[in-house]
N, C-alpha and C. Protein backbone atom coordinates (compact mmCIF):
# COMPACT_ATOMS: atom_id res chain seq x y z
N UNK A 1 -19.92 -19.92 15.60
CA UNK A 1 -18.62 -20.49 15.30
C UNK A 1 -17.63 -19.36 15.02
N UNK A 2 -16.48 -19.40 15.64
CA UNK A 2 -15.48 -18.35 15.44
C UNK A 2 -14.67 -18.61 14.18
N UNK A 3 -14.28 -17.55 13.55
CA UNK A 3 -13.46 -17.61 12.35
C UNK A 3 -12.00 -17.81 12.79
N UNK A 4 -11.34 -18.89 12.36
CA UNK A 4 -9.95 -19.14 12.78
C UNK A 4 -8.99 -18.01 12.39
N UNK A 5 -9.20 -17.39 11.24
CA UNK A 5 -8.33 -16.30 10.82
C UNK A 5 -8.50 -15.09 11.74
N UNK A 6 -9.74 -14.76 12.09
CA UNK A 6 -9.99 -13.64 12.99
C UNK A 6 -9.41 -13.90 14.37
N UNK A 7 -9.52 -15.14 14.84
CA UNK A 7 -8.96 -15.50 16.13
C UNK A 7 -7.43 -15.39 16.11
N UNK A 8 -6.82 -15.86 15.04
CA UNK A 8 -5.36 -15.76 14.90
C UNK A 8 -4.92 -14.30 14.88
N UNK A 9 -5.64 -13.47 14.12
CA UNK A 9 -5.30 -12.05 14.02
C UNK A 9 -5.41 -11.38 15.38
N UNK A 10 -6.46 -11.68 16.11
CA UNK A 10 -6.64 -11.10 17.45
C UNK A 10 -5.49 -11.49 18.37
N UNK A 11 -5.10 -12.76 18.33
CA UNK A 11 -3.97 -13.22 19.16
C UNK A 11 -2.68 -12.53 18.76
N UNK A 12 -2.44 -12.46 17.47
CA UNK A 12 -1.20 -11.84 16.97
C UNK A 12 -1.15 -10.36 17.35
N UNK A 13 -2.26 -9.66 17.20
CA UNK A 13 -2.28 -8.23 17.47
C UNK A 13 -2.25 -7.91 18.97
N UNK A 14 -2.40 -8.90 19.80
CA UNK A 14 -2.26 -8.66 21.24
C UNK A 14 -0.80 -8.48 21.63
N UNK A 15 0.11 -8.87 20.74
CA UNK A 15 1.54 -8.65 20.94
C UNK A 15 1.87 -7.22 20.49
N UNK A 16 2.38 -6.36 21.39
CA UNK A 16 2.63 -4.96 21.02
C UNK A 16 3.57 -4.78 19.82
N UNK A 17 4.58 -5.65 19.68
CA UNK A 17 5.50 -5.54 18.54
C UNK A 17 4.79 -5.84 17.23
N UNK A 18 3.96 -6.87 17.24
CA UNK A 18 3.19 -7.23 16.04
C UNK A 18 2.21 -6.12 15.71
N UNK A 19 1.53 -5.59 16.72
CA UNK A 19 0.55 -4.52 16.50
C UNK A 19 1.24 -3.29 15.89
N UNK A 20 2.40 -2.92 16.39
CA UNK A 20 3.12 -1.75 15.87
C UNK A 20 3.49 -1.96 14.39
N UNK A 21 4.03 -3.13 14.06
CA UNK A 21 4.37 -3.42 12.67
C UNK A 21 3.14 -3.42 11.77
N UNK A 22 2.06 -4.02 12.27
CA UNK A 22 0.81 -4.08 11.52
C UNK A 22 0.29 -2.67 11.23
N UNK A 23 0.32 -1.82 12.24
CA UNK A 23 -0.17 -0.45 12.07
C UNK A 23 0.71 0.35 11.12
N UNK A 24 2.01 0.07 11.10
CA UNK A 24 2.91 0.77 10.18
C UNK A 24 2.62 0.39 8.72
N UNK A 25 2.05 -0.77 8.50
CA UNK A 25 1.74 -1.23 7.15
C UNK A 25 0.30 -0.90 6.72
N UNK A 26 -0.45 -0.24 7.58
CA UNK A 26 -1.88 0.01 7.31
C UNK A 26 -2.10 0.75 6.00
N UNK A 27 -1.30 1.79 5.73
CA UNK A 27 -1.48 2.55 4.48
C UNK A 27 -1.20 1.70 3.26
N UNK A 28 -0.15 0.87 3.33
CA UNK A 28 0.18 0.00 2.21
C UNK A 28 -0.94 -1.01 1.96
N UNK A 29 -1.46 -1.61 3.02
CA UNK A 29 -2.55 -2.56 2.87
C UNK A 29 -3.79 -1.88 2.31
N UNK A 30 -4.07 -0.66 2.76
CA UNK A 30 -5.24 0.07 2.26
C UNK A 30 -5.11 0.35 0.77
N UNK A 31 -3.90 0.72 0.33
CA UNK A 31 -3.68 0.98 -1.09
C UNK A 31 -3.86 -0.29 -1.91
N UNK A 32 -3.29 -1.38 -1.44
CA UNK A 32 -3.43 -2.64 -2.17
C UNK A 32 -4.89 -3.07 -2.22
N UNK A 33 -5.61 -2.85 -1.14
CA UNK A 33 -7.05 -3.15 -1.13
C UNK A 33 -7.77 -2.33 -2.20
N UNK A 34 -7.38 -1.05 -2.34
CA UNK A 34 -7.98 -0.19 -3.37
C UNK A 34 -7.75 -0.73 -4.77
N UNK A 35 -6.51 -1.14 -5.07
CA UNK A 35 -6.25 -1.60 -6.44
C UNK A 35 -6.91 -2.95 -6.70
N UNK A 36 -7.00 -3.79 -5.68
CA UNK A 36 -7.69 -5.08 -5.87
C UNK A 36 -9.18 -4.87 -6.09
N UNK A 37 -9.79 -3.94 -5.36
CA UNK A 37 -11.21 -3.64 -5.55
C UNK A 37 -11.45 -3.07 -6.95
N UNK A 38 -10.55 -2.19 -7.40
CA UNK A 38 -10.70 -1.60 -8.73
C UNK A 38 -10.64 -2.67 -9.81
N UNK A 39 -9.69 -3.61 -9.66
CA UNK A 39 -9.59 -4.68 -10.67
C UNK A 39 -10.82 -5.56 -10.62
N UNK A 40 -11.31 -5.87 -9.42
CA UNK A 40 -12.51 -6.70 -9.30
C UNK A 40 -13.71 -6.01 -9.94
N UNK A 41 -13.85 -4.70 -9.71
CA UNK A 41 -14.96 -3.95 -10.31
C UNK A 41 -14.85 -3.89 -11.83
N UNK A 42 -13.63 -3.92 -12.34
CA UNK A 42 -13.44 -3.87 -13.79
C UNK A 42 -13.74 -5.22 -14.43
N UNK A 43 -13.72 -6.29 -13.62
CA UNK A 43 -13.98 -7.62 -14.14
C UNK A 43 -12.82 -8.23 -14.90
N UNK A 44 -11.63 -7.67 -14.71
CA UNK A 44 -10.46 -8.16 -15.43
C UNK A 44 -9.60 -9.07 -14.57
N UNK A 45 -8.98 -10.04 -15.21
CA UNK A 45 -8.02 -10.90 -14.52
C UNK A 45 -6.65 -10.21 -14.54
N UNK A 46 -5.72 -10.72 -13.74
CA UNK A 46 -4.36 -10.19 -13.78
C UNK A 46 -3.78 -10.32 -15.18
N UNK A 47 -4.03 -11.43 -15.83
CA UNK A 47 -3.51 -11.65 -17.18
C UNK A 47 -4.08 -10.64 -18.17
N UNK A 48 -5.37 -10.32 -18.03
CA UNK A 48 -5.98 -9.35 -18.94
C UNK A 48 -5.40 -7.95 -18.72
N UNK A 49 -5.19 -7.57 -17.47
CA UNK A 49 -4.58 -6.27 -17.18
C UNK A 49 -3.17 -6.24 -17.75
N UNK A 50 -2.43 -7.32 -17.55
CA UNK A 50 -1.06 -7.41 -18.06
C UNK A 50 -1.02 -7.21 -19.57
N UNK A 51 -1.93 -7.87 -20.28
CA UNK A 51 -1.98 -7.72 -21.75
C UNK A 51 -2.25 -6.27 -22.14
N UNK A 52 -3.16 -5.62 -21.42
CA UNK A 52 -3.52 -4.24 -21.75
C UNK A 52 -2.37 -3.27 -21.57
N UNK A 53 -1.50 -3.53 -20.62
CA UNK A 53 -0.42 -2.57 -20.37
C UNK A 53 0.94 -3.07 -20.84
N UNK A 54 0.96 -4.24 -21.46
CA UNK A 54 2.19 -4.75 -22.05
C UNK A 54 3.19 -5.29 -21.06
N UNK A 55 2.70 -6.06 -20.10
CA UNK A 55 3.60 -6.68 -19.12
C UNK A 55 3.14 -8.12 -18.90
N UNK A 56 3.65 -8.75 -17.87
CA UNK A 56 3.30 -10.14 -17.58
C UNK A 56 2.33 -10.23 -16.41
N UNK A 57 1.64 -11.34 -16.34
CA UNK A 57 0.72 -11.58 -15.22
C UNK A 57 1.49 -11.58 -13.91
N UNK A 58 2.72 -12.13 -13.90
CA UNK A 58 3.49 -12.17 -12.65
C UNK A 58 3.88 -10.76 -12.19
N UNK A 59 4.08 -9.83 -13.13
CA UNK A 59 4.37 -8.44 -12.76
C UNK A 59 3.15 -7.80 -12.09
N UNK A 60 1.97 -8.13 -12.59
CA UNK A 60 0.73 -7.61 -11.98
C UNK A 60 0.55 -8.23 -10.60
N UNK A 61 0.84 -9.50 -10.46
CA UNK A 61 0.73 -10.16 -9.15
C UNK A 61 1.67 -9.50 -8.15
N UNK A 62 2.89 -9.16 -8.56
CA UNK A 62 3.83 -8.47 -7.66
C UNK A 62 3.29 -7.10 -7.27
N UNK A 63 2.72 -6.38 -8.23
CA UNK A 63 2.17 -5.06 -7.96
C UNK A 63 1.04 -5.14 -6.93
N UNK A 64 0.27 -6.21 -6.99
CA UNK A 64 -0.88 -6.37 -6.10
C UNK A 64 -0.55 -7.07 -4.78
N UNK A 65 0.71 -7.38 -4.57
CA UNK A 65 1.11 -8.15 -3.39
C UNK A 65 1.79 -7.26 -2.35
N UNK A 66 1.34 -7.31 -1.10
CA UNK A 66 1.98 -6.51 -0.06
C UNK A 66 3.35 -7.06 0.35
N UNK A 67 3.61 -8.30 0.07
CA UNK A 67 4.84 -8.92 0.53
C UNK A 67 5.94 -8.97 -0.53
N UNK A 68 5.70 -8.34 -1.67
CA UNK A 68 6.70 -8.44 -2.74
C UNK A 68 7.91 -7.55 -2.50
N UNK A 69 7.75 -6.51 -1.69
CA UNK A 69 8.85 -5.57 -1.49
C UNK A 69 9.10 -4.70 -2.70
N UNK A 70 8.21 -4.77 -3.67
CA UNK A 70 8.33 -4.03 -4.93
C UNK A 70 7.58 -2.72 -4.81
N UNK A 71 8.23 -1.62 -5.16
CA UNK A 71 7.57 -0.31 -5.19
C UNK A 71 7.42 0.11 -6.64
N UNK A 72 6.21 0.01 -7.17
CA UNK A 72 6.01 0.35 -8.58
C UNK A 72 6.18 1.85 -8.81
N UNK A 73 6.59 2.22 -10.01
CA UNK A 73 6.74 3.63 -10.37
C UNK A 73 5.36 4.25 -10.58
N UNK A 74 5.33 5.58 -10.56
CA UNK A 74 4.07 6.28 -10.84
C UNK A 74 3.57 5.92 -12.24
N UNK A 75 4.48 5.82 -13.20
CA UNK A 75 4.09 5.47 -14.56
C UNK A 75 3.40 4.10 -14.60
N UNK A 76 3.95 3.14 -13.88
CA UNK A 76 3.34 1.80 -13.83
C UNK A 76 1.96 1.87 -13.20
N UNK A 77 1.84 2.60 -12.09
CA UNK A 77 0.53 2.72 -11.44
C UNK A 77 -0.48 3.42 -12.35
N UNK A 78 -0.03 4.42 -13.09
CA UNK A 78 -0.93 5.12 -14.01
C UNK A 78 -1.38 4.21 -15.15
N UNK A 79 -0.47 3.41 -15.67
CA UNK A 79 -0.83 2.47 -16.74
C UNK A 79 -1.80 1.41 -16.22
N UNK A 80 -1.54 0.90 -15.02
CA UNK A 80 -2.42 -0.09 -14.38
C UNK A 80 -3.81 0.51 -14.21
N UNK A 81 -3.87 1.70 -13.62
CA UNK A 81 -5.16 2.35 -13.38
C UNK A 81 -5.91 2.59 -14.69
N UNK A 82 -5.20 3.06 -15.70
CA UNK A 82 -5.82 3.34 -16.99
C UNK A 82 -6.40 2.08 -17.61
N UNK A 83 -5.71 0.96 -17.47
CA UNK A 83 -6.20 -0.32 -18.01
C UNK A 83 -7.52 -0.73 -17.37
N UNK A 84 -7.76 -0.25 -16.14
CA UNK A 84 -8.98 -0.57 -15.42
C UNK A 84 -10.06 0.49 -15.59
N UNK A 85 -9.72 1.59 -16.26
CA UNK A 85 -10.66 2.69 -16.42
C UNK A 85 -10.62 3.64 -15.24
N UNK A 86 -9.51 3.72 -14.56
CA UNK A 86 -9.32 4.60 -13.40
C UNK A 86 -8.17 5.55 -13.68
N UNK A 87 -7.95 6.48 -12.76
CA UNK A 87 -6.77 7.32 -12.79
C UNK A 87 -6.18 7.36 -11.38
N UNK A 88 -4.90 7.65 -11.29
CA UNK A 88 -4.20 7.70 -10.01
C UNK A 88 -4.25 9.13 -9.50
N UNK A 89 -4.56 9.28 -8.21
CA UNK A 89 -4.49 10.57 -7.54
C UNK A 89 -3.58 10.42 -6.33
N UNK A 90 -2.61 11.30 -6.21
CA UNK A 90 -1.69 11.26 -5.08
C UNK A 90 -1.92 12.52 -4.25
N UNK A 91 -2.07 12.34 -2.95
CA UNK A 91 -2.29 13.47 -2.05
C UNK A 91 -1.38 13.33 -0.84
N UNK A 92 -0.97 14.45 -0.31
CA UNK A 92 -0.28 14.47 0.97
C UNK A 92 -1.31 14.83 2.03
N UNK A 93 -1.38 14.03 3.07
CA UNK A 93 -2.33 14.25 4.15
C UNK A 93 -1.55 14.49 5.42
N UNK A 94 -1.85 15.57 6.11
CA UNK A 94 -1.13 15.94 7.34
C UNK A 94 -1.26 14.83 8.37
N UNK A 95 -0.12 14.40 8.89
CA UNK A 95 -0.07 13.40 9.96
C UNK A 95 0.11 14.16 11.26
N UNK A 96 -0.97 14.31 12.00
CA UNK A 96 -0.93 15.12 13.21
C UNK A 96 -0.05 14.50 14.30
N UNK A 97 0.26 13.23 14.19
CA UNK A 97 1.07 12.56 15.20
C UNK A 97 2.57 12.71 14.95
N UNK A 98 2.94 13.15 13.76
CA UNK A 98 4.37 13.22 13.41
C UNK A 98 4.84 14.67 13.37
N UNK A 99 6.04 14.89 13.88
CA UNK A 99 6.66 16.21 13.81
C UNK A 99 7.22 16.40 12.41
N UNK A 100 7.10 17.58 11.84
CA UNK A 100 7.70 17.82 10.52
C UNK A 100 9.20 17.59 10.57
N UNK A 101 9.72 16.98 9.54
CA UNK A 101 11.14 16.63 9.50
C UNK A 101 12.02 17.87 9.65
N UNK A 102 11.71 18.91 8.92
CA UNK A 102 12.53 20.12 8.95
C UNK A 102 12.62 20.73 10.33
N UNK A 103 11.51 20.80 11.06
CA UNK A 103 11.52 21.39 12.40
C UNK A 103 12.34 20.55 13.35
N UNK A 104 12.17 19.26 13.29
CA UNK A 104 12.91 18.36 14.17
C UNK A 104 14.40 18.49 13.89
N UNK A 105 14.77 18.50 12.62
CA UNK A 105 16.15 18.60 12.21
C UNK A 105 16.74 19.95 12.63
N UNK A 106 15.96 21.04 12.45
CA UNK A 106 16.43 22.37 12.76
C UNK A 106 16.72 22.51 14.25
N UNK A 107 15.88 21.91 15.10
CA UNK A 107 16.11 22.04 16.53
C UNK A 107 17.41 21.36 16.94
N UNK A 108 17.78 20.29 16.29
CA UNK A 108 19.05 19.64 16.58
C UNK A 108 20.21 20.52 16.15
N UNK A 109 20.07 21.17 15.01
CA UNK A 109 21.13 22.02 14.51
C UNK A 109 21.35 23.17 15.48
N UNK A 110 20.30 23.76 16.01
CA UNK A 110 20.44 24.88 16.95
C UNK A 110 21.13 24.46 18.24
N UNK A 111 20.84 23.26 18.72
CA UNK A 111 21.46 22.79 19.96
C UNK A 111 22.94 22.49 19.79
N UNK A 112 23.32 21.96 18.63
CA UNK A 112 24.71 21.57 18.43
C UNK A 112 25.56 22.70 17.88
N UNK A 113 24.91 23.76 17.33
CA UNK A 113 25.62 24.85 16.68
C UNK A 113 26.12 25.80 17.69
């Protein structure tokens, strides 16, 4: 028996525009998956995390939602992680597919100068 959600996803991703948008959100979805797994491993509810860091359950729900359009501050992420017994690590990883901004910008300046 096929999973209706998997079938829908396959159909949607066959559209190049949908696939491009989906791939652009991959890092955001991966991060949200990480924080949801951390909370699940801690055994805490959203309400319990909220109490520990002095906020509301709805604020935690927004933090854990990819569709909220909310970008939490580093301080908020650190407090959330600490409430779960984790810490936040931020790293820059070289994107081999992207040209560095400075080089791209500099080449335009040389052509127009």
